[in-house]
Amino acid sequence: RLVAEVLRLRGWRTTFLGASVPAAHLVSYLHQEGPDAVALSCAL
């Protein structure tokens, strides 16, 4: 969320999907929206 907020403050249009997004649902969303990048977080 902090990454999404900093990118937003820097002028990027950001969409934050939250915690534990299944791969199939994320890929479907990327196909629909066609973003310039996807940023993935992994703490462990």
PDB file of all heavy atoms in Angstrom:
ATOM      1  N   ARG A   1       0.841  -1.207   0.000  1.00  0.00           N
ATOM      2  CA  ARG A   1       0.000   0.000   0.000  1.00  0.00           C
ATOM      3  C   ARG A   1       0.874   1.255   0.000  1.00  0.00           C
ATOM      4  O   ARG A   1       0.566   2.255  -0.665  1.00  0.00           O
ATOM      5  CB  ARG A   1      -0.918  -0.004   1.220  1.00  0.00           C
ATOM      6  CG  ARG A   1      -1.760   1.267   1.399  1.00  0.00           C
ATOM      7  CD  ARG A   1      -2.808   1.403   0.312  1.00  0.00           C
ATOM      8  NE  ARG A   1      -3.510   2.676   0.373  1.00  0.00           N
ATOM      9  CZ  ARG A   1      -4.551   2.929   1.170  1.00  0.00           C
ATOM     10  NH1 ARG A   1      -5.005   1.986   1.985  1.00  0.00           N
ATOM     11  NH2 ARG A   1      -5.138   4.092   1.154  1.00  0.00           N
ATOM     12  N   LEU A   2       1.973   1.228   0.739  1.00  0.00           N
ATOM     13  CA  LEU A   2       2.878   2.375   0.766  1.00  0.00           C
ATOM     14  C   LEU A   2       3.490   2.619  -0.618  1.00  0.00           C
ATOM     15  O   LEU A   2       3.640   3.768  -1.052  1.00  0.00           O
ATOM     16  CB  LEU A   2       3.975   2.165   1.803  1.00  0.00           C
ATOM     17  CG  LEU A   2       3.521   2.159   3.267  1.00  0.00           C
ATOM     18  CD1 LEU A   2       4.696   1.817   4.176  1.00  0.00           C
ATOM     19  CD2 LEU A   2       2.916   3.500   3.660  1.00  0.00           C
ATOM     20  N   VAL A   3       3.838   1.538  -1.315  1.00  0.00           N
ATOM     21  CA  VAL A   3       4.353   1.677  -2.677  1.00  0.00           C
ATOM     22  C   VAL A   3       3.306   2.336  -3.566  1.00  0.00           C
ATOM     23  O   VAL A   3       3.606   3.273  -4.325  1.00  0.00           O
ATOM     24  CB  VAL A   3       4.767   0.309  -3.249  1.00  0.00           C
ATOM     25  CG1 VAL A   3       5.105   0.423  -4.733  1.00  0.00           C
ATOM     26  CG2 VAL A   3       5.950  -0.257  -2.481  1.00  0.00           C
ATOM     27  N   ALA A   4       2.068   1.869  -3.475  1.00  0.00           N
ATOM     28  CA  ALA A   4       0.992   2.434  -4.297  1.00  0.00           C
ATOM     29  C   ALA A   4       0.799   3.916  -3.998  1.00  0.00           C
ATOM     30  O   ALA A   4       0.602   4.734  -4.914  1.00  0.00           O
ATOM     31  CB  ALA A   4      -0.303   1.665  -4.057  1.00  0.00           C
ATOM     32  N   GLU A   5       0.883   4.284  -2.718  1.00  0.00           N
ATOM     33  CA  GLU A   5       0.677   5.693  -2.339  1.00  0.00           C
ATOM     34  C   GLU A   5       1.815   6.581  -2.845  1.00  0.00           C
ATOM     35  O   GLU A   5       1.586   7.699  -3.322  1.00  0.00           O
ATOM     36  CB  GLU A   5       0.547   5.804  -0.821  1.00  0.00           C
ATOM     37  CG  GLU A   5      -0.783   5.340  -0.286  1.00  0.00           C
ATOM     38  CD  GLU A   5      -1.935   6.157  -0.860  1.00  0.00           C
ATOM     39  OE1 GLU A   5      -1.862   7.401  -0.852  1.00  0.00           O
ATOM     40  OE2 GLU A   5      -2.906   5.547  -1.336  1.00  0.00           O
ATOM     41  N   VAL A   6       3.046   6.103  -2.740  1.00  0.00           N
ATOM     42  CA  VAL A   6       4.176   6.892  -3.214  1.00  0.00           C
ATOM     43  C   VAL A   6       4.095   7.068  -4.726  1.00  0.00           C
ATOM     44  O   VAL A   6       4.340   8.174  -5.252  1.00  0.00           O
ATOM     45  CB  VAL A   6       5.510   6.250  -2.786  1.00  0.00           C
ATOM     46  CG1 VAL A   6       6.693   6.914  -3.491  1.00  0.00           C
ATOM     47  CG2 VAL A   6       5.679   6.344  -1.276  1.00  0.00           C
ATOM     48  N   LEU A   7       3.760   6.023  -5.448  1.00  0.00           N
ATOM     49  CA  LEU A   7       3.610   6.139  -6.899  1.00  0.00           C
ATOM     50  C   LEU A   7       2.500   7.129  -7.248  1.00  0.00           C
ATOM     51  O   LEU A   7       2.637   7.936  -8.174  1.00  0.00           O
ATOM     52  CB  LEU A   7       3.313   4.771  -7.514  1.00  0.00           C
ATOM     53  CG  LEU A   7       4.448   3.749  -7.473  1.00  0.00           C
ATOM     54  CD1 LEU A   7       3.974   2.411  -8.036  1.00  0.00           C
ATOM     55  CD2 LEU A   7       5.660   4.236  -8.243  1.00  0.00           C
ATOM     56  N   ARG A   8       1.413   7.077  -6.503  1.00  0.00           N
ATOM     57  CA  ARG A   8       0.312   8.035  -6.736  1.00  0.00           C
ATOM     58  C   ARG A   8       0.788   9.467  -6.507  1.00  0.00           C
ATOM     59  O   ARG A   8       0.482  10.374  -7.296  1.00  0.00           O
ATOM     60  CB  ARG A   8      -0.851   7.698  -5.798  1.00  0.00           C
ATOM     61  CG  ARG A   8      -2.076   8.586  -6.000  1.00  0.00           C
ATOM     62  CD  ARG A   8      -3.126   8.317  -4.940  1.00  0.00           C
ATOM     63  NE  ARG A   8      -2.637   8.671  -3.614  1.00  0.00           N
ATOM     64  CZ  ARG A   8      -2.617   9.905  -3.115  1.00  0.00           C
ATOM     65  NH1 ARG A   8      -3.062  10.924  -3.851  1.00  0.00           N
ATOM     66  NH2 ARG A   8      -2.177  10.144  -1.900  1.00  0.00           N
ATOM     67  N   LEU A   9       1.548   9.681  -5.428  1.00  0.00           N
ATOM     68  CA  LEU A   9       2.066  11.018  -5.141  1.00  0.00           C
ATOM     69  C   LEU A   9       3.029  11.495  -6.220  1.00  0.00           C
ATOM     70  O   LEU A   9       3.165  12.704  -6.440  1.00  0.00           O
ATOM     71  CB  LEU A   9       2.767  11.025  -3.776  1.00  0.00           C
ATOM     72  CG  LEU A   9       1.870  10.872  -2.551  1.00  0.00           C
ATOM     73  CD1 LEU A   9       2.705  10.623  -1.306  1.00  0.00           C
ATOM     74  CD2 LEU A   9       1.000  12.117  -2.364  1.00  0.00           C
ATOM     75  N   ARG A  10       3.690  10.538  -6.884  1.00  0.00           N
ATOM     76  CA  ARG A  10       4.624  10.902  -7.968  1.00  0.00           C
ATOM     77  C   ARG A  10       3.917  11.082  -9.315  1.00  0.00           C
ATOM     78  O   ARG A  10       4.558  11.305 -10.331  1.00  0.00           O
ATOM     79  CB  ARG A  10       5.689   9.816  -8.104  1.00  0.00           C
ATOM     80  CG  ARG A  10       6.553   9.587  -6.877  1.00  0.00           C
ATOM     81  CD  ARG A  10       7.723  10.536  -6.798  1.00  0.00           C
ATOM     82  NE  ARG A  10       8.657  10.137  -5.740  1.00  0.00           N
ATOM     83  CZ  ARG A  10       9.804   9.507  -5.950  1.00  0.00           C
ATOM     84  NH1 ARG A  10      10.195   9.211  -7.177  1.00  0.00           N
ATOM     85  NH2 ARG A  10      10.582   9.181  -4.929  1.00  0.00           N
ATOM     86  N   GLY A  11       2.587  10.942  -9.330  1.00  0.00           N
ATOM     87  CA  GLY A  11       1.846  11.209 -10.554  1.00  0.00           C
ATOM     88  C   GLY A  11       1.402  10.003 -11.342  1.00  0.00           C
ATOM     89  O   GLY A  11       0.819  10.147 -12.425  1.00  0.00           O
ATOM     90  N   TRP A  12       1.648   8.800 -10.841  1.00  0.00           N
ATOM     91  CA  TRP A  12       1.202   7.600 -11.533  1.00  0.00           C
ATOM     92  C   TRP A  12      -0.269   7.335 -11.220  1.00  0.00           C
ATOM     93  O   TRP A  12      -0.743   7.606 -10.108  1.00  0.00           O
ATOM     94  CB  TRP A  12       2.020   6.384 -11.111  1.00  0.00           C
ATOM     95  CG  TRP A  12       3.452   6.450 -11.547  1.00  0.00           C
ATOM     96  CD1 TRP A  12       4.495   6.993 -10.854  1.00  0.00           C
ATOM     97  CD2 TRP A  12       3.995   5.958 -12.766  1.00  0.00           C
ATOM     98  NE1 TRP A  12       5.660   6.874 -11.568  1.00  0.00           N
ATOM     99  CE2 TRP A  12       5.385   6.245 -12.750  1.00  0.00           C
ATOM    100  CE3 TRP A  12       3.463   5.311 -13.875  1.00  0.00           C
ATOM    101  CZ2 TRP A  12       6.240   5.891 -13.792  1.00  0.00           C
ATOM    102  CZ3 TRP A  12       4.303   4.959 -14.921  1.00  0.00           C
ATOM    103  CH2 TRP A  12       5.674   5.246 -14.877  1.00  0.00           C
ATOM    104  N   ARG A  13      -0.970   6.789 -12.188  1.00  0.00           N
ATOM    105  CA  ARG A  13      -2.312   6.262 -11.906  1.00  0.00           C
ATOM    106  C   ARG A  13      -2.127   4.872 -11.325  1.00  0.00           C
ATOM    107  O   ARG A  13      -1.611   3.974 -12.009  1.00  0.00           O
ATOM    108  CB  ARG A  13      -3.159   6.202 -13.182  1.00  0.00           C
ATOM    109  CG  ARG A  13      -4.572   5.673 -12.940  1.00  0.00           C
ATOM    110  CD  ARG A  13      -5.473   5.962 -14.126  1.00  0.00           C
ATOM    111  NE  ARG A  13      -5.191   5.131 -15.274  1.00  0.00           N
ATOM    112  CZ  ARG A  13      -5.789   3.953 -15.516  1.00  0.00           C
ATOM    113  NH1 ARG A  13      -6.684   3.475 -14.656  1.00  0.00           N
ATOM    114  NH2 ARG A  13      -5.492   3.287 -16.609  1.00  0.00           N
ATOM    115  N   THR A  14      -2.502   4.688 -10.076  1.00  0.00           N
ATOM    116  CA  THR A  14      -2.247   3.424  -9.401  1.00  0.00           C
ATOM    117  C   THR A  14      -3.548   2.719  -9.046  1.00  0.00           C
ATOM    118  O   THR A  14      -4.549   3.349  -8.695  1.00  0.00           O
ATOM    119  CB  THR A  14      -1.427   3.629  -8.107  1.00  0.00           C
ATOM    120  OG1 THR A  14      -2.162   4.472  -7.210  1.00  0.00           O
ATOM    121  CG2 THR A  14      -0.089   4.268  -8.409  1.00  0.00           C
ATOM    122  N   THR A  15      -3.514   1.416  -9.156  1.00  0.00           N
ATOM    123  CA  THR A  15      -4.606   0.562  -8.708  1.00  0.00           C
ATOM    124  C   THR A  15      -4.024  -0.419  -7.701  1.00  0.00           C
ATOM    125  O   THR A  15      -3.153  -1.230  -8.046  1.00  0.00           O
ATOM    126  CB  THR A  15      -5.238  -0.217  -9.877  1.00  0.00           C
ATOM    127  OG1 THR A  15      -5.685   0.701 -10.874  1.00  0.00           O
ATOM    128  CG2 THR A  15      -6.406  -1.053  -9.391  1.00  0.00           C
ATOM    129  N   PHE A  16      -4.478  -0.338  -6.457  1.00  0.00           N
ATOM    130  CA  PHE A  16      -3.988  -1.218  -5.398  1.00  0.00           C
ATOM    131  C   PHE A  16      -4.992  -2.346  -5.194  1.00  0.00           C
ATOM    132  O   PHE A  16      -6.153  -2.106  -4.841  1.00  0.00           O
ATOM    133  CB  PHE A  16      -3.796  -0.434  -4.104  1.00  0.00           C
ATOM    134  CG  PHE A  16      -3.333  -1.280  -2.949  1.00  0.00           C
ATOM    135  CD1 PHE A  16      -2.179  -2.044  -3.037  1.00  0.00           C
ATOM    136  CD2 PHE A  16      -4.062  -1.321  -1.764  1.00  0.00           C
ATOM    137  CE1 PHE A  16      -1.754  -2.822  -1.979  1.00  0.00           C
ATOM    138  CE2 PHE A  16      -3.647  -2.095  -0.704  1.00  0.00           C
ATOM    139  CZ  PHE A  16      -2.487  -2.847  -0.804  1.00  0.00           C
ATOM    140  N   LEU A  17      -4.550  -3.582  -5.430  1.00  0.00           N
ATOM    141  CA  LEU A  17      -5.454  -4.735  -5.353  1.00  0.00           C
ATOM    142  C   LEU A  17      -5.475  -5.400  -3.985  1.00  0.00           C
ATOM    143  O   LEU A  17      -6.312  -6.270  -3.740  1.00  0.00           O
ATOM    144  CB  LEU A  17      -5.082  -5.765  -6.423  1.00  0.00           C
ATOM    145  CG  LEU A  17      -5.133  -5.280  -7.872  1.00  0.00           C
ATOM    146  CD1 LEU A  17      -4.823  -6.423  -8.823  1.00  0.00           C
ATOM    147  CD2 LEU A  17      -6.476  -4.644  -8.198  1.00  0.00           C
ATOM    148  N   GLY A  18      -4.531  -5.042  -3.104  1.00  0.00           N
ATOM    149  CA  GLY A  18      -4.572  -5.556  -1.737  1.00  0.00           C
ATOM    150  C   GLY A  18      -3.810  -6.853  -1.555  1.00  0.00           C
ATOM    151  O   GLY A  18      -2.947  -7.232  -2.350  1.00  0.00           O
ATOM    152  N   ALA A  19      -4.161  -7.549  -0.468  1.00  0.00           N
ATOM    153  CA  ALA A  19      -3.433  -8.749  -0.048  1.00  0.00           C
ATOM    154  C   ALA A  19      -3.888  -9.984  -0.810  1.00  0.00           C
ATOM    155  O   ALA A  19      -5.034 -10.075  -1.258  1.00  0.00           O
ATOM    156  CB  ALA A  19      -3.630  -8.972   1.449  1.00  0.00           C
ATOM    157  N   SER A  20      -2.961 -10.936  -0.971  1.00  0.00           N
ATOM    158  CA  SER A  20      -3.222 -12.288  -1.464  1.00  0.00           C
ATOM    159  C   SER A  20      -4.167 -12.332  -2.670  1.00  0.00           C
ATOM    160  O   SER A  20      -5.300 -12.798  -2.572  1.00  0.00           O
ATOM    161  CB  SER A  20      -3.788 -13.162  -0.330  1.00  0.00           C
ATOM    162  OG  SER A  20      -3.836 -14.522  -0.724  1.00  0.00           O
ATOM    163  N   VAL A  21      -3.679 -11.870  -3.795  1.00  0.00           N
ATOM    164  CA  VAL A  21      -4.468 -11.897  -5.022  1.00  0.00           C
ATOM    165  C   VAL A  21      -4.110 -13.155  -5.811  1.00  0.00           C
ATOM    166  O   VAL A  21      -2.954 -13.350  -6.179  1.00  0.00           O
ATOM    167  CB  VAL A  21      -4.200 -10.646  -5.876  1.00  0.00           C
ATOM    168  CG1 VAL A  21      -5.009 -10.698  -7.165  1.00  0.00           C
ATOM    169  CG2 VAL A  21      -4.524  -9.392  -5.095  1.00  0.00           C
ATOM    170  N   PRO A  22      -5.069 -14.039  -6.075  1.00  0.00           N
ATOM    171  CA  PRO A  22      -4.768 -15.243  -6.854  1.00  0.00           C
ATOM    172  C   PRO A  22      -4.230 -14.894  -8.241  1.00  0.00           C
ATOM    173  O   PRO A  22      -4.678 -13.930  -8.875  1.00  0.00           O
ATOM    174  CB  PRO A  22      -6.122 -15.955  -6.942  1.00  0.00           C
ATOM    175  CG  PRO A  22      -6.902 -15.438  -5.774  1.00  0.00           C
ATOM    176  CD  PRO A  22      -6.462 -14.018  -5.604  1.00  0.00           C
ATOM    177  N   ALA A  23      -3.282 -15.682  -8.703  1.00  0.00           N
ATOM    178  CA  ALA A  23      -2.614 -15.394  -9.970  1.00  0.00           C
ATOM    179  C   ALA A  23      -3.601 -15.286 -11.130  1.00  0.00           C
ATOM    180  O   ALA A  23      -3.499 -14.372 -11.962  1.00  0.00           O
ATOM    181  CB  ALA A  23      -1.569 -16.470 -10.257  1.00  0.00           C
ATOM    182  N   ALA A  24      -4.562 -16.196 -11.194  1.00  0.00           N
ATOM    183  CA  ALA A  24      -5.508 -16.190 -12.314  1.00  0.00           C
ATOM    184  C   ALA A  24      -6.322 -14.901 -12.339  1.00  0.00           C
ATOM    185  O   ALA A  24      -6.585 -14.336 -13.410  1.00  0.00           O
ATOM    186  CB  ALA A  24      -6.444 -17.394 -12.220  1.00  0.00           C
ATOM    187  N   HIS A  25      -6.729 -14.411 -11.167  1.00  0.00           N
ATOM    188  CA  HIS A  25      -7.521 -13.188 -11.109  1.00  0.00           C
ATOM    189  C   HIS A  25      -6.663 -11.970 -11.464  1.00  0.00           C
ATOM    190  O   HIS A  25      -7.148 -11.037 -12.119  1.00  0.00           O
ATOM    191  CB  HIS A  25      -8.114 -13.023  -9.701  1.00  0.00           C
ATOM    192  CG  HIS A  25      -9.129 -14.061  -9.367  1.00  0.00           C
ATOM    193  ND1 HIS A  25     -10.483 -13.889  -9.586  1.00  0.00           N
ATOM    194  CD2 HIS A  25      -8.993 -15.305  -8.841  1.00  0.00           C
ATOM    195  CE1 HIS A  25     -11.143 -14.971  -9.210  1.00  0.00           C
ATOM    196  NE2 HIS A  25     -10.249 -15.850  -8.753  1.00  0.00           N
ATOM    197  N   LEU A  26      -5.400 -11.988 -11.032  1.00  0.00           N
ATOM    198  CA  LEU A  26      -4.511 -10.877 -11.371  1.00  0.00           C
ATOM    199  C   LEU A  26      -4.267 -10.824 -12.879  1.00  0.00           C
ATOM    200  O   LEU A  26      -4.336  -9.750 -13.497  1.00  0.00           O
ATOM    201  CB  LEU A  26      -3.185 -11.016 -10.628  1.00  0.00           C
ATOM    202  CG  LEU A  26      -2.116  -9.965 -10.951  1.00  0.00           C
ATOM    203  CD1 LEU A  26      -2.628  -8.556 -10.675  1.00  0.00           C
ATOM    204  CD2 LEU A  26      -0.844 -10.245 -10.161  1.00  0.00           C
ATOM    205  N   VAL A  27      -4.010 -11.961 -13.479  1.00  0.00           N
ATOM    206  CA  VAL A  27      -3.759 -12.004 -14.920  1.00  0.00           C
ATOM    207  C   VAL A  27      -4.989 -11.533 -15.694  1.00  0.00           C
ATOM    208  O   VAL A  27      -4.880 -10.782 -16.676  1.00  0.00           O
ATOM    209  CB  VAL A  27      -3.339 -13.423 -15.341  1.00  0.00           C
ATOM    210  CG1 VAL A  27      -3.364 -13.566 -16.855  1.00  0.00           C
ATOM    211  CG2 VAL A  27      -1.949 -13.741 -14.803  1.00  0.00           C
ATOM    212  N   SER A  28      -6.159 -11.957 -15.270  1.00  0.00           N
ATOM    213  CA  SER A  28      -7.389 -11.511 -15.919  1.00  0.00           C
ATOM    214  C   SER A  28      -7.518  -9.993 -15.845  1.00  0.00           C
ATOM    215  O   SER A  28      -7.883  -9.328 -16.830  1.00  0.00           O
ATOM    216  CB  SER A  28      -8.595 -12.178 -15.261  1.00  0.00           C
ATOM    217  OG  SER A  28      -9.808 -11.698 -15.805  1.00  0.00           O
ATOM    218  N   TYR A  29      -7.183  -9.440 -14.700  1.00  0.00           N
ATOM    219  CA  TYR A  29      -7.262  -7.985 -14.525  1.00  0.00           C
ATOM    220  C   TYR A  29      -6.260  -7.270 -15.433  1.00  0.00           C
ATOM    221  O   TYR A  29      -6.578  -6.235 -16.035  1.00  0.00           O
ATOM    222  CB  TYR A  29      -7.006  -7.640 -13.064  1.00  0.00           C
ATOM    223  CG  TYR A  29      -7.271  -6.190 -12.726  1.00  0.00           C
ATOM    224  CD1 TYR A  29      -8.566  -5.754 -12.428  1.00  0.00           C
ATOM    225  CD2 TYR A  29      -6.247  -5.258 -12.710  1.00  0.00           C
ATOM    226  CE1 TYR A  29      -8.823  -4.424 -12.134  1.00  0.00           C
ATOM    227  CE2 TYR A  29      -6.498  -3.924 -12.414  1.00  0.00           C
ATOM    228  CZ  TYR A  29      -7.784  -3.517 -12.129  1.00  0.00           C
ATOM    229  OH  TYR A  29      -8.037  -2.197 -11.840  1.00  0.00           O
ATOM    230  N   LEU A  30      -5.058  -7.829 -15.546  1.00  0.00           N
ATOM    231  CA  LEU A  30      -4.053  -7.219 -16.414  1.00  0.00           C
ATOM    232  C   LEU A  30      -4.491  -7.232 -17.875  1.00  0.00           C
ATOM    233  O   LEU A  30      -4.271  -6.269 -18.612  1.00  0.00           O
ATOM    234  CB  LEU A  30      -2.714  -7.945 -16.263  1.00  0.00           C
ATOM    235  CG  LEU A  30      -2.061  -7.894 -14.875  1.00  0.00           C
ATOM    236  CD1 LEU A  30      -0.733  -8.644 -14.893  1.00  0.00           C
ATOM    237  CD2 LEU A  30      -1.858  -6.465 -14.401  1.00  0.00           C
ATOM    238  N   HIS A  31      -5.123  -8.327 -18.292  1.00  0.00           N
ATOM    239  CA  HIS A  31      -5.628  -8.398 -19.666  1.00  0.00           C
ATOM    240  C   HIS A  31      -6.682  -7.323 -19.905  1.00  0.00           C
ATOM    241  O   HIS A  31      -6.724  -6.697 -20.973  1.00  0.00           O
ATOM    242  CB  HIS A  31      -6.227  -9.777 -19.936  1.00  0.00           C
ATOM    243  CG  HIS A  31      -5.219 -10.817 -20.332  1.00  0.00           C
ATOM    244  ND1 HIS A  31      -4.441 -10.707 -21.460  1.00  0.00           N
ATOM    245  CD2 HIS A  31      -4.869 -11.999 -19.741  1.00  0.00           C
ATOM    246  CE1 HIS A  31      -3.643 -11.766 -21.553  1.00  0.00           C
ATOM    247  NE2 HIS A  31      -3.881 -12.563 -20.527  1.00  0.00           N
ATOM    248  N   GLN A  32      -7.529  -7.106 -18.910  1.00  0.00           N
ATOM    249  CA  GLN A  32      -8.613  -6.136 -19.062  1.00  0.00           C
ATOM    250  C   GLN A  32      -8.108  -4.698 -19.060  1.00  0.00           C
ATOM    251  O   GLN A  32      -8.579  -3.854 -19.833  1.00  0.00           O
ATOM    252  CB  GLN A  32      -9.637  -6.315 -17.939  1.00  0.00           C
ATOM    253  CG  GLN A  32     -10.393  -7.624 -17.977  1.00  0.00           C
ATOM    254  CD  GLN A  32     -11.192  -7.863 -16.702  1.00  0.00           C
ATOM    255  OE1 GLN A  32     -11.389  -6.948 -15.909  1.00  0.00           O
ATOM    256  NE2 GLN A  32     -11.640  -9.083 -16.503  1.00  0.00           N
ATOM    257  N   GLU A  33      -7.126  -4.403 -18.183  1.00  0.00           N
ATOM    258  CA  GLU A  33      -6.708  -3.021 -17.961  1.00  0.00           C
ATOM    259  C   GLU A  33      -5.478  -2.602 -18.767  1.00  0.00           C
ATOM    260  O   GLU A  33      -5.288  -1.417 -19.043  1.00  0.00           O
ATOM    261  CB  GLU A  33      -6.442  -2.790 -16.471  1.00  0.00           C
ATOM    262  CG  GLU A  33      -7.653  -3.026 -15.586  1.00  0.00           C
ATOM    263  CD  GLU A  33      -8.766  -2.050 -15.883  1.00  0.00           C
ATOM    264  OE1 GLU A  33      -8.470  -0.885 -16.211  1.00  0.00           O
ATOM    265  OE2 GLU A  33      -9.953  -2.450 -15.813  1.00  0.00           O
ATOM    266  N   GLY A  34      -4.592  -3.550 -19.090  1.00  0.00           N
ATOM    267  CA  GLY A  34      -3.404  -3.232 -19.860  1.00  0.00           C
ATOM    268  C   GLY A  34      -2.504  -2.175 -19.234  1.00  0.00           C
ATOM    269  O   GLY A  34      -2.170  -1.186 -19.903  1.00  0.00           O
ATOM    270  N   PRO A  35      -2.094  -2.335 -17.975  1.00  0.00           N
ATOM    271  CA  PRO A  35      -1.252  -1.316 -17.334  1.00  0.00           C
ATOM    272  C   PRO A  35       0.162  -1.309 -17.909  1.00  0.00           C
ATOM    273  O   PRO A  35       0.558  -2.216 -18.646  1.00  0.00           O
ATOM    274  CB  PRO A  35      -1.242  -1.748 -15.862  1.00  0.00           C
ATOM    275  CG  PRO A  35      -1.399  -3.232 -15.924  1.00  0.00           C
ATOM    276  CD  PRO A  35      -2.336  -3.490 -17.086  1.00  0.00           C
ATOM    277  N   ASP A  36       0.912  -0.271 -17.531  1.00  0.00           N
ATOM    278  CA  ASP A  36       2.304  -0.162 -17.975  1.00  0.00           C
ATOM    279  C   ASP A  36       3.233  -1.037 -17.145  1.00  0.00           C
ATOM    280  O   ASP A  36       4.327  -1.382 -17.595  1.00  0.00           O
ATOM    281  CB  ASP A  36       2.765   1.290 -17.876  1.00  0.00           C
ATOM    282  CG  ASP A  36       1.932   2.204 -18.763  1.00  0.00           C
ATOM    283  OD1 ASP A  36       2.140   2.164 -19.984  1.00  0.00           O
ATOM    284  OD2 ASP A  36       1.070   2.934 -18.231  1.00  0.00           O
ATOM    285  N   ALA A  37       2.815  -1.372 -15.945  1.00  0.00           N
ATOM    286  CA  ALA A  37       3.632  -2.215 -15.068  1.00  0.00           C
ATOM    287  C   ALA A  37       2.746  -2.813 -13.991  1.00  0.00           C
ATOM    288  O   ALA A  37       1.691  -2.267 -13.658  1.00  0.00           O
ATOM    289  CB  ALA A  37       4.764  -1.408 -14.418  1.00  0.00           C
ATOM    290  N   VAL A  38       3.188  -3.942 -13.458  1.00  0.00           N
ATOM    291  CA  VAL A  38       2.566  -4.503 -12.261  1.00  0.00           C
ATOM    292  C   VAL A  38       3.661  -4.628 -11.212  1.00  0.00           C
ATOM    293  O   VAL A  38       4.763  -5.114 -11.489  1.00  0.00           O
ATOM    294  CB  VAL A  38       1.885  -5.866 -12.527  1.00  0.00           C
ATOM    295  CG1 VAL A  38       2.846  -6.881 -13.126  1.00  0.00           C
ATOM    296  CG2 VAL A  38       1.254  -6.410 -11.256  1.00  0.00           C
ATOM    297  N   ALA A  39       3.378  -4.125 -10.021  1.00  0.00           N
ATOM    298  CA  ALA A  39       4.326  -4.181  -8.911  1.00  0.00           C
ATOM    299  C   ALA A  39       3.817  -5.204  -7.897  1.00  0.00           C
ATOM    300  O   ALA A  39       2.700  -5.074  -7.391  1.00  0.00           O
ATOM    301  CB  ALA A  39       4.467  -2.807  -8.252  1.00  0.00           C
ATOM    302  N   LEU A  40       4.624  -6.231  -7.642  1.00  0.00           N
ATOM    303  CA  LEU A  40       4.237  -7.320  -6.757  1.00  0.00           C
ATOM    304  C   LEU A  40       5.074  -7.297  -5.491  1.00  0.00           C
ATOM    305  O   LEU A  40       6.298  -7.168  -5.543  1.00  0.00           O
ATOM    306  CB  LEU A  40       4.407  -8.666  -7.462  1.00  0.00           C
ATOM    307  CG  LEU A  40       3.578  -8.896  -8.726  1.00  0.00           C
ATOM    308  CD1 LEU A  40       3.910 -10.252  -9.334  1.00  0.00           C
ATOM    309  CD2 LEU A  40       2.089  -8.801  -8.416  1.00  0.00           C
ATOM    310  N   SER A  41       4.400  -7.443  -4.350  1.00  0.00           N
ATOM    311  CA  SER A  41       5.076  -7.405  -3.060  1.00  0.00           C
ATOM    312  C   SER A  41       5.114  -8.788  -2.438  1.00  0.00           C
ATOM    313  O   SER A  41       4.134  -9.538  -2.487  1.00  0.00           O
ATOM    314  CB  SER A  41       4.344  -6.443  -2.111  1.00  0.00           C
ATOM    315  OG  SER A  41       4.894  -6.492  -0.809  1.00  0.00           O
ATOM    316  N   CYS A  42       6.262  -9.118  -1.837  1.00  0.00           N
ATOM    317  CA  CYS A  42       6.417 -10.405  -1.155  1.00  0.00           C
ATOM    318  C   CYS A  42       7.257 -10.169   0.103  1.00  0.00           C
ATOM    319  O   CYS A  42       8.438  -9.823   0.012  1.00  0.00           O
ATOM    320  CB  CYS A  42       7.096 -11.421  -2.065  1.00  0.00           C
ATOM    321  SG  CYS A  42       7.334 -13.057  -1.328  1.00  0.00           S
ATOM    322  N   ALA A  43       6.664 -10.347   1.273  1.00  0.00           N
ATOM    323  CA  ALA A  43       7.363 -10.067   2.524  1.00  0.00           C
ATOM    324  C   ALA A  43       8.177 -11.248   3.021  1.00  0.00           C
ATOM    325  O   ALA A  43       9.147 -11.062   3.752  1.00  0.00           O
ATOM    326  CB  ALA A  43       6.351  -9.650   3.606  1.00  0.00           C
ATOM    327  N   LEU A  44       7.793 -12.458   2.648  1.00  0.00           N
ATOM    328  CA  LEU A  44       8.446 -13.659   3.176  1.00  0.00           C
ATOM    329  C   LEU A  44       9.006 -14.501   2.039  1.00  0.00           C
ATOM    330  O   LEU A  44       8.277 -14.856   1.107  1.00  0.00           O
ATOM    331  CB  LEU A  44       7.452 -14.495   3.994  1.00  0.00           C
ATOM    332  CG  LEU A  44       6.848 -13.824   5.225  1.00  0.00           C
ATOM    333  CD1 LEU A  44       5.760 -14.701   5.819  1.00  0.00           C
ATOM    334  CD2 LEU A  44       7.922 -13.530   6.262  1.00  0.00           C
TER     335      LEU A  44
END
